[in-house]
């Protein structure tokens, strides 16, 4: 499918039932559109839906959502395990800036297609959406490029390096009408749904303070996660979880921020 001179993500019939829109409490910067299944439309035009089988008593098999991964980062291996444990997804392609690395990674993980550039994957027509586990400084850029290629996006956190980048992502979401989600996986765990329900019921009284810590020992001081040029650092890597869970549990936005180092 050619749109504005670019091949968009392959049009596919919805593989999942339509569900209610995913919403965050007054989340700044990002709008969450309805589910990926609902976003099987491109530019406001519905994707073609296959004709029903001649024997209408025979149910149609669900069409798996085909994921492309932009990067051979180690965290992608965890996503592969999760997709393969699902009933409605398949890992269809991986891309790297080095073709040989993409081919090696695809062979290692049983992925049918490998591409030597991120744009090549986006324009392939062989995926329905992409996962972006690139360095933080590239999250907004490639989320926007994927959206412009017609691909819904699951982007690793943080989805942007700063507020200006987040605004550009939001503008791309509005412009394309496609789905973008920041990969805070805990938000989809039933434990947190139960915690939210207990707080709403007043099980612990009035919520007045949230204290959170997320730490690990970083042995490699040259790692991407701490590189200022790649938008790394403690807050961007793991501190963002504490902020995110506070927003989730209170339904409020921060008014003041302080920090210290030791």
C-alpha atoms as a PDB file:
ATOM      1  CA  UNK A   1       0.000   0.000   0.000  1.00  0.00           C
ATOM      2  CA  UNK A   2       1.597   3.260  -1.093  1.00  0.00           C
ATOM      3  CA  UNK A   3       0.753   6.395   0.863  1.00  0.00           C
ATOM      4  CA  UNK A   4       2.553   9.677   0.180  1.00  0.00           C
ATOM      5  CA  UNK A   5       5.322   7.754  -1.524  1.00  0.00           C
ATOM      6  CA  UNK A   6       5.987   5.445   1.429  1.00  0.00           C
ATOM      7  CA  UNK A   7       4.997   1.839   1.965  1.00  0.00           C
ATOM      8  CA  UNK A   8       2.991   1.660   5.135  1.00  0.00           C
ATOM      9  CA  UNK A   9       2.686  -1.211   7.574  1.00  0.00           C
ATOM     10  CA  UNK A  10       0.788  -3.997   5.890  1.00  0.00           C
ATOM     11  CA  UNK A  11      -3.002  -3.613   6.162  1.00  0.00           C
ATOM     12  CA  UNK A  12      -4.421  -6.450   8.219  1.00  0.00           C
ATOM     13  CA  UNK A  13      -7.897  -7.375   9.449  1.00  0.00           C
ATOM     14  CA  UNK A  14      -8.387  -6.874  13.191  1.00  0.00           C
ATOM     15  CA  UNK A  15      -7.035  -9.885  15.041  1.00  0.00           C
ATOM     16  CA  UNK A  16      -8.502  -8.983  18.435  1.00  0.00           C
ATOM     17  CA  UNK A  17     -11.937  -8.003  19.661  1.00  0.00           C
ATOM     18  CA  UNK A  18     -12.503  -4.275  19.945  1.00  0.00           C
ATOM     19  CA  UNK A  19     -11.914  -3.135  23.505  1.00  0.00           C
ATOM     20  CA  UNK A  20     -12.378   0.093  25.394  1.00  0.00           C
ATOM     21  CA  UNK A  21      -9.734   2.788  24.912  1.00  0.00           C
ATOM     22  CA  UNK A  22      -6.713   2.656  27.165  1.00  0.00           C
ATOM     23  CA  UNK A  23      -6.539   5.804  29.247  1.00  0.00           C
ATOM     24  CA  UNK A  24      -4.040   7.384  31.580  1.00  0.00           C
ATOM     25  CA  UNK A  25      -5.124   9.924  34.186  1.00  0.00           C
ATOM     26  CA  UNK A  26      -4.482  13.287  32.502  1.00  0.00           C
ATOM     27  CA  UNK A  27      -1.209  12.034  31.045  1.00  0.00           C
ATOM     28  CA  UNK A  28       0.727  14.895  29.469  1.00  0.00           C
ATOM     29  CA  UNK A  29       2.474  14.466  26.165  1.00  0.00           C
ATOM     30  CA  UNK A  30       0.894  11.235  24.939  1.00  0.00           C
ATOM     31  CA  UNK A  31      -2.619  10.378  23.859  1.00  0.00           C
ATOM     32  CA  UNK A  32      -3.579   6.747  24.090  1.00  0.00           C
ATOM     33  CA  UNK A  33      -5.790   5.769  21.197  1.00  0.00           C
ATOM     34  CA  UNK A  34      -7.968   2.630  21.299  1.00  0.00           C
ATOM     35  CA  UNK A  35      -6.440  -0.825  21.111  1.00  0.00           C
ATOM     36  CA  UNK A  36      -4.094  -1.944  18.377  1.00  0.00           C
ATOM     37  CA  UNK A  37      -6.919  -3.992  16.923  1.00  0.00           C
ATOM     38  CA  UNK A  38      -9.010  -0.872  16.516  1.00  0.00           C
ATOM     39  CA  UNK A  39      -6.084   0.812  14.829  1.00  0.00           C
ATOM     40  CA  UNK A  40      -6.029  -1.605  11.927  1.00  0.00           C
ATOM     41  CA  UNK A  41      -7.134   1.426   9.924  1.00  0.00           C
ATOM     42  CA  UNK A  42      -4.698   3.542   7.978  1.00  0.00           C
ATOM     43  CA  UNK A  43      -5.349   7.214   7.386  1.00  0.00           C
ATOM     44  CA  UNK A  44      -8.985   6.866   8.397  1.00  0.00           C
ATOM     45  CA  UNK A  45      -9.665   4.129   5.819  1.00  0.00           C
ATOM     46  CA  UNK A  46     -10.515   0.666   7.132  1.00  0.00           C
ATOM     47  CA  UNK A  47      -8.239  -2.213   6.236  1.00  0.00           C
ATOM     48  CA  UNK A  48      -9.802  -4.851   3.996  1.00  0.00           C
ATOM     49  CA  UNK A  49     -11.616  -7.540   5.920  1.00  0.00           C
ATOM     50  CA  UNK A  50     -11.489 -11.053   4.431  1.00  0.00           C
ATOM     51  CA  UNK A  51     -14.698 -12.548   3.123  1.00  0.00           C
ATOM     52  CA  UNK A  52     -16.359 -15.108   5.407  1.00  0.00           C
ATOM     53  CA  UNK A  53     -15.721 -18.763   4.534  1.00  0.00           C
ATOM     54  CA  UNK A  54     -18.180 -20.472   2.253  1.00  0.00           C
ATOM     55  CA  UNK A  55     -19.223 -22.651   5.153  1.00  0.00           C
ATOM     56  CA  UNK A  56     -20.232 -20.017   7.697  1.00  0.00           C
ATOM     57  CA  UNK A  57     -20.302 -22.647  10.424  1.00  0.00           C
ATOM     58  CA  UNK A  58     -16.509 -22.816  10.173  1.00  0.00           C
ATOM     59  CA  UNK A  59     -15.017 -20.039  12.344  1.00  0.00           C
ATOM     60  CA  UNK A  60     -12.234 -17.930  10.868  1.00  0.00           C
ATOM     61  CA  UNK A  61      -8.843 -18.394  12.461  1.00  0.00           C
ATOM     62  CA  UNK A  62      -7.523 -15.276  14.206  1.00  0.00           C
ATOM     63  CA  UNK A  63      -4.833 -13.444  12.268  1.00  0.00           C
ATOM     64  CA  UNK A  64      -1.743 -12.914  14.461  1.00  0.00           C
ATOM     65  CA  UNK A  65      -0.474  -9.385  14.923  1.00  0.00           C
ATOM     66  CA  UNK A  66       2.965  -9.300  13.285  1.00  0.00           C
ATOM     67  CA  UNK A  67       5.594  -7.491  15.337  1.00  0.00           C
ATOM     68  CA  UNK A  68       8.774  -5.892  14.025  1.00  0.00           C
ATOM     69  CA  UNK A  69      11.623  -5.044  16.403  1.00  0.00           C
ATOM     70  CA  UNK A  70      13.804  -2.008  15.713  1.00  0.00           C
ATOM     71  CA  UNK A  71      17.114  -3.063  17.268  1.00  0.00           C
ATOM     72  CA  UNK A  72      18.877  -6.184  18.457  1.00  0.00           C
ATOM     73  CA  UNK A  73      19.041  -4.877  22.039  1.00  0.00           C
ATOM     74  CA  UNK A  74      19.048  -7.557  24.716  1.00  0.00           C
ATOM     75  CA  UNK A  75      15.697  -6.432  26.133  1.00  0.00           C
ATOM     76  CA  UNK A  76      14.087  -7.497  22.862  1.00  0.00           C
ATOM     77  CA  UNK A  77      14.584 -11.126  23.871  1.00  0.00           C
ATOM     78  CA  UNK A  78      12.106 -10.666  26.709  1.00  0.00           C
ATOM     79  CA  UNK A  79       9.528  -9.220  24.350  1.00  0.00           C
ATOM     80  CA  UNK A  80       9.967 -12.186  22.008  1.00  0.00           C
ATOM     81  CA  UNK A  81       9.213 -14.577  24.874  1.00  0.00           C
ATOM     82  CA  UNK A  82       6.110 -12.573  25.781  1.00  0.00           C
ATOM     83  CA  UNK A  83       4.787 -12.414  22.218  1.00  0.00           C
ATOM     84  CA  UNK A  84       5.310 -16.126  21.693  1.00  0.00           C
ATOM     85  CA  UNK A  85       3.452 -16.812  24.913  1.00  0.00           C
ATOM     86  CA  UNK A  86       0.438 -14.889  23.625  1.00  0.00           C
ATOM     87  CA  UNK A  87      -2.459 -16.133  21.508  1.00  0.00           C
ATOM     88  CA  UNK A  88      -2.541 -13.279  19.029  1.00  0.00           C
ATOM     89  CA  UNK A  89       0.988 -12.176  18.188  1.00  0.00           C
ATOM     90  CA  UNK A  90       4.018 -13.279  16.181  1.00  0.00           C
ATOM     91  CA  UNK A  91       7.522 -11.853  15.810  1.00  0.00           C
ATOM     92  CA  UNK A  92       7.832 -11.252  12.070  1.00  0.00           C
ATOM     93  CA  UNK A  93      10.988  -9.176  11.610  1.00  0.00           C
ATOM     94  CA  UNK A  94      13.988  -7.538  13.238  1.00  0.00           C
ATOM     95  CA  UNK A  95      16.153  -4.652  12.020  1.00  0.00           C
ATOM     96  CA  UNK A  96      19.642  -3.466  12.858  1.00  0.00           C
ATOM     97  CA  UNK A  97      21.965  -0.871  11.383  1.00  0.00           C
ATOM     98  CA  UNK A  98      24.311  -3.785  10.659  1.00  0.00           C
ATOM     99  CA  UNK A  99      22.730  -6.315   8.239  1.00  0.00           C
ATOM    100  CA  UNK A 100      24.908  -9.172   9.478  1.00  0.00           C
ATOM    101  CA  UNK A 101      23.883  -8.518  13.079  1.00  0.00           C
ATOM    102  CA  UNK A 102      20.195  -8.494  12.118  1.00  0.00           C
ATOM    103  CA  UNK A 103      20.596 -11.769  10.201  1.00  0.00           C
ATOM    104  CA  UNK A 104      22.470 -13.413  13.070  1.00  0.00           C
ATOM    105  CA  UNK A 105      19.909 -12.252  15.653  1.00  0.00           C
ATOM    106  CA  UNK A 106      16.999 -13.400  13.472  1.00  0.00           C
ATOM    107  CA  UNK A 107      18.550 -16.847  13.035  1.00  0.00           C
ATOM    108  CA  UNK A 108      19.272 -17.120  16.756  1.00  0.00           C
ATOM    109  CA  UNK A 109      15.673 -16.289  17.689  1.00  0.00           C
ATOM    110  CA  UNK A 110      13.811 -17.926  14.829  1.00  0.00           C
ATOM    111  CA  UNK A 111      12.581 -14.668  13.281  1.00  0.00           C
ATOM    112  CA  UNK A 112      11.654 -15.050   9.602  1.00  0.00           C
ATOM    113  CA  UNK A 113      12.892 -11.681   8.297  1.00  0.00           C
ATOM    114  CA  UNK A 114      15.934  -9.499   9.000  1.00  0.00           C
ATOM    115  CA  UNK A 115      16.587  -5.992   7.687  1.00  0.00           C
ATOM    116  CA  UNK A 116      19.777  -3.958   7.529  1.00  0.00           C
ATOM    117  CA  UNK A 117      18.083  -0.664   8.420  1.00  0.00           C
ATOM    118  CA  UNK A 118      15.149   0.471  10.504  1.00  0.00           C
ATOM    119  CA  UNK A 119      13.510   2.243   7.565  1.00  0.00           C
ATOM    120  CA  UNK A 120      13.733  -0.909   5.468  1.00  0.00           C
ATOM    121  CA  UNK A 121      11.682  -2.778   8.059  1.00  0.00           C
ATOM    122  CA  UNK A 122       9.140   0.037   8.369  1.00  0.00           C
ATOM    123  CA  UNK A 123       8.665   0.132   4.604  1.00  0.00           C
ATOM    124  CA  UNK A 124       8.630  -3.643   4.124  1.00  0.00           C
ATOM    125  CA  UNK A 125       4.884  -4.129   4.430  1.00  0.00           C
ATOM    126  CA  UNK A 126       5.638  -7.280   6.469  1.00  0.00           C
ATOM    127  CA  UNK A 127       4.743  -6.025   9.948  1.00  0.00           C
ATOM    128  CA  UNK A 128       1.617  -4.663  11.631  1.00  0.00           C
ATOM    129  CA  UNK A 129       3.377  -2.729  14.375  1.00  0.00           C
ATOM    130  CA  UNK A 130       6.796  -2.211  15.912  1.00  0.00           C
ATOM    131  CA  UNK A 131       8.601  -2.344  19.231  1.00  0.00           C
ATOM    132  CA  UNK A 132      11.261   0.360  19.762  1.00  0.00           C
ATOM    133  CA  UNK A 133      13.974  -0.625  22.305  1.00  0.00           C
ATOM    134  CA  UNK A 134      16.610   1.767  20.960  1.00  0.00           C
ATOM    135  CA  UNK A 135      18.669   4.093  23.198  1.00  0.00           C
ATOM    136  CA  UNK A 136      16.534   6.739  24.929  1.00  0.00           C
ATOM    137  CA  UNK A 137      17.733   9.538  22.673  1.00  0.00           C
ATOM    138  CA  UNK A 138      16.249   7.744  19.636  1.00  0.00           C
ATOM    139  CA  UNK A 139      12.857   6.818  21.093  1.00  0.00           C
ATOM    140  CA  UNK A 140      10.886   9.834  19.930  1.00  0.00           C
ATOM    141  CA  UNK A 141      12.519   9.971  16.490  1.00  0.00           C
ATOM    142  CA  UNK A 142      11.788   6.363  15.596  1.00  0.00           C
ATOM    143  CA  UNK A 143       8.367   6.346  17.209  1.00  0.00           C
ATOM    144  CA  UNK A 144       7.437   9.242  14.942  1.00  0.00           C
ATOM    145  CA  UNK A 145       9.034   7.611  11.883  1.00  0.00           C
ATOM    146  CA  UNK A 146       7.132   4.404  12.566  1.00  0.00           C
ATOM    147  CA  UNK A 147       3.852   6.279  12.917  1.00  0.00           C
ATOM    148  CA  UNK A 148       4.487   8.103   9.674  1.00  0.00           C
ATOM    149  CA  UNK A 149       5.084   4.718   8.012  1.00  0.00           C
ATOM    150  CA  UNK A 150       1.679   3.589   9.270  1.00  0.00           C
ATOM    151  CA  UNK A 151       2.882   1.427  12.145  1.00  0.00           C
ATOM    152  CA  UNK A 152       1.436   1.420  15.680  1.00  0.00           C
ATOM    153  CA  UNK A 153       4.251   1.571  18.255  1.00  0.00           C
ATOM    154  CA  UNK A 154       5.185   0.046  21.574  1.00  0.00           C
ATOM    155  CA  UNK A 155       8.135   2.172  22.708  1.00  0.00           C
ATOM    156  CA  UNK A 156      10.458   1.438  25.588  1.00  0.00           C
ATOM    157  CA  UNK A 157      10.396   3.943  28.402  1.00  0.00           C
ATOM    158  CA  UNK A 158      11.039   6.800  28.464  1.00  0.00           C
ATOM    159  CA  UNK A 159       9.088   7.509  25.308  1.00  0.00           C
ATOM    160  CA  UNK A 160      10.934  10.815  24.896  1.00  0.00           C
ATOM    161  CA  UNK A 161      14.038  12.519  26.242  1.00  0.00           C
ATOM    162  CA  UNK A 162      12.213  15.742  27.121  1.00  0.00           C
ATOM    163  CA  UNK A 163       8.841  17.498  26.965  1.00  0.00           C
ATOM    164  CA  UNK A 164       9.450  18.945  23.497  1.00  0.00           C
ATOM    165  CA  UNK A 165      10.022  15.477  22.066  1.00  0.00           C
ATOM    166  CA  UNK A 166       6.917  14.182  23.828  1.00  0.00           C
ATOM    167  CA  UNK A 167       4.889  16.968  22.222  1.00  0.00           C
ATOM    168  CA  UNK A 168       6.170  15.934  18.797  1.00  0.00           C
ATOM    169  CA  UNK A 169       5.144  12.336  19.468  1.00  0.00           C
ATOM    170  CA  UNK A 170       1.695  13.508  20.539  1.00  0.00           C
ATOM    171  CA  UNK A 171       1.370  15.555  17.353  1.00  0.00           C
ATOM    172  CA  UNK A 172       2.285  12.478  15.288  1.00  0.00           C
ATOM    173  CA  UNK A 173      -0.297  10.386  17.139  1.00  0.00           C
ATOM    174  CA  UNK A 174      -2.988  12.962  16.400  1.00  0.00           C
ATOM    175  CA  UNK A 175      -1.865  13.310  12.794  1.00  0.00           C
ATOM    176  CA  UNK A 176      -1.828   9.589  12.027  1.00  0.00           C
ATOM    177  CA  UNK A 177      -4.547   8.338  14.373  1.00  0.00           C
ATOM    178  CA  UNK A 178      -2.354   5.374  15.308  1.00  0.00           C
ATOM    179  CA  UNK A 179      -1.633   3.725  18.630  1.00  0.00           C
ATOM    180  CA  UNK A 180       1.426   4.520  20.755  1.00  0.00           C
ATOM    181  CA  UNK A 181       2.173   3.040  24.163  1.00  0.00           C
ATOM    182  CA  UNK A 182       5.102   3.506  26.528  1.00  0.00           C
ATOM    183  CA  UNK A 183       6.334   0.134  27.773  1.00  0.00           C
ATOM    184  CA  UNK A 184       5.553   0.385  31.486  1.00  0.00           C
ATOM    185  CA  UNK A 185       4.556  -3.269  31.629  1.00  0.00           C
ATOM    186  CA  UNK A 186       3.512  -3.230  35.308  1.00  0.00           C
ATOM    187  CA  UNK A 187       0.406  -1.176  34.394  1.00  0.00           C
ATOM    188  CA  UNK A 188      -1.055  -4.285  32.784  1.00  0.00           C
ATOM    189  CA  UNK A 189      -0.397  -6.604  35.738  1.00  0.00           C
ATOM    190  CA  UNK A 190      -3.526  -7.635  37.673  1.00  0.00           C
ATOM    191  CA  UNK A 191      -1.725  -6.885  40.938  1.00  0.00           C
ATOM    192  CA  UNK A 192      -1.795  -3.163  40.188  1.00  0.00           C
ATOM    193  CA  UNK A 193      -5.440  -3.270  39.171  1.00  0.00           C
ATOM    194  CA  UNK A 194      -6.151  -4.761  42.610  1.00  0.00           C
ATOM    195  CA  UNK A 195      -4.012  -2.125  44.354  1.00  0.00           C
ATOM    196  CA  UNK A 196      -5.910   0.643  42.558  1.00  0.00           C
ATOM    197  CA  UNK A 197      -9.232  -0.910  43.562  1.00  0.00           C
ATOM    198  CA  UNK A 198      -8.199  -1.178  47.224  1.00  0.00           C
ATOM    199  CA  UNK A 199      -7.081   2.461  47.306  1.00  0.00           C
ATOM    200  CA  UNK A 200     -10.348   3.567  45.683  1.00  0.00           C
ATOM    201  CA  UNK A 201     -12.303   1.572  48.268  1.00  0.00           C
ATOM    202  CA  UNK A 202     -10.453   3.292  51.111  1.00  0.00           C
ATOM    203  CA  UNK A 203      -8.864   0.063  52.317  1.00  0.00           C
ATOM    204  CA  UNK A 204      -5.771   1.929  53.550  1.00  0.00           C
ATOM    205  CA  UNK A 205      -7.467   5.217  54.349  1.00  0.00           C
ATOM    206  CA  UNK A 206      -6.522   8.453  52.632  1.00  0.00           C
ATOM    207  CA  UNK A 207      -3.460   8.139  50.441  1.00  0.00           C
ATOM    208  CA  UNK A 208      -1.042  10.846  51.583  1.00  0.00           C
ATOM    209  CA  UNK A 209       2.487   9.607  50.798  1.00  0.00           C
ATOM    210  CA  UNK A 210       4.078   7.331  48.214  1.00  0.00           C
ATOM    211  CA  UNK A 211       7.693   6.285  48.697  1.00  0.00           C
ATOM    212  CA  UNK A 212       9.297   4.218  45.950  1.00  0.00           C
ATOM    213  CA  UNK A 213      12.802   2.930  45.242  1.00  0.00           C
ATOM    214  CA  UNK A 214      14.173   1.123  42.224  1.00  0.00           C
ATOM    215  CA  UNK A 215      17.881   0.364  42.363  1.00  0.00           C
ATOM    216  CA  UNK A 216      20.511  -1.923  40.917  1.00  0.00           C
ATOM    217  CA  UNK A 217      24.302  -1.974  40.883  1.00  0.00           C
ATOM    218  CA  UNK A 218      25.678  -0.574  37.619  1.00  0.00           C
ATOM    219  CA  UNK A 219      29.142  -2.027  37.096  1.00  0.00           C
ATOM    220  CA  UNK A 220      29.711  -0.652  33.581  1.00  0.00           C
ATOM    221  CA  UNK A 221      29.949   3.141  33.859  1.00  0.00           C
ATOM    222  CA  UNK A 222      30.071   3.446  30.070  1.00  0.00           C
ATOM    223  CA  UNK A 223      26.705   1.718  29.525  1.00  0.00           C
ATOM    224  CA  UNK A 224      24.046   3.382  27.375  1.00  0.00           C
ATOM    225  CA  UNK A 225      21.689   3.659  30.341  1.00  0.00           C
ATOM    226  CA  UNK A 226      23.969   6.210  32.023  1.00  0.00           C
ATOM    227  CA  UNK A 227      25.198   8.097  28.948  1.00  0.00           C
ATOM    228  CA  UNK A 228      24.069  11.771  28.947  1.00  0.00           C
ATOM    229  CA  UNK A 229      24.415  11.945  25.152  1.00  0.00           C
ATOM    230  CA  UNK A 230      21.933   9.068  24.827  1.00  0.00           C
ATOM    231  CA  UNK A 231      19.475  10.591  27.335  1.00  0.00           C
ATOM    232  CA  UNK A 232      20.503   8.096  29.984  1.00  0.00           C
ATOM    233  CA  UNK A 233      20.752   8.434  33.744  1.00  0.00           C
ATOM    234  CA  UNK A 234      19.110   7.136  36.894  1.00  0.00           C
ATOM    235  CA  UNK A 235      15.852   9.052  36.440  1.00  0.00           C
ATOM    236  CA  UNK A 236      15.410   8.126  32.779  1.00  0.00           C
ATOM    237  CA  UNK A 237      16.293   4.477  33.310  1.00  0.00           C
ATOM    238  CA  UNK A 238      14.574   3.406  36.534  1.00  0.00           C
ATOM    239  CA  UNK A 239      13.495   6.538  38.436  1.00  0.00           C
ATOM    240  CA  UNK A 240      10.754   7.035  35.882  1.00  0.00           C
ATOM    241  CA  UNK A 241       8.982   3.993  37.353  1.00  0.00           C
ATOM    242  CA  UNK A 242       8.554   5.723  40.693  1.00  0.00           C
ATOM    243  CA  UNK A 243       7.083   8.790  39.002  1.00  0.00           C
ATOM    244  CA  UNK A 244       4.847   6.720  36.768  1.00  0.00           C
ATOM    245  CA  UNK A 245       3.408   4.569  39.534  1.00  0.00           C
ATOM    246  CA  UNK A 246       2.715   7.678  41.654  1.00  0.00           C
ATOM    247  CA  UNK A 247       0.741   9.181  38.765  1.00  0.00           C
ATOM    248  CA  UNK A 248      -1.111   5.906  38.273  1.00  0.00           C
ATOM    249  CA  UNK A 249      -2.140   5.463  41.914  1.00  0.00           C
ATOM    250  CA  UNK A 250      -3.131   9.077  42.566  1.00  0.00           C
ATOM    251  CA  UNK A 251      -4.510  10.076  39.175  1.00  0.00           C
ATOM    252  CA  UNK A 252      -2.601  13.348  39.629  1.00  0.00           C
ATOM    253  CA  UNK A 253       0.343  15.102  38.020  1.00  0.00           C
ATOM    254  CA  UNK A 254       3.495  16.346  39.803  1.00  0.00           C
ATOM    255  CA  UNK A 255       3.533  19.978  40.935  1.00  0.00           C
ATOM    256  CA  UNK A 256       7.110  20.142  42.203  1.00  0.00           C
ATOM    257  CA  UNK A 257      10.242  18.078  41.702  1.00  0.00           C
ATOM    258  CA  UNK A 258      13.397  17.876  43.820  1.00  0.00           C
ATOM    259  CA  UNK A 259      16.438  15.612  43.539  1.00  0.00           C
ATOM    260  CA  UNK A 260      19.626  14.722  45.359  1.00  0.00           C
ATOM    261  CA  UNK A 261      22.706  12.624  44.638  1.00  0.00           C
ATOM    262  CA  UNK A 262      24.885  10.661  46.976  1.00  0.00           C
END
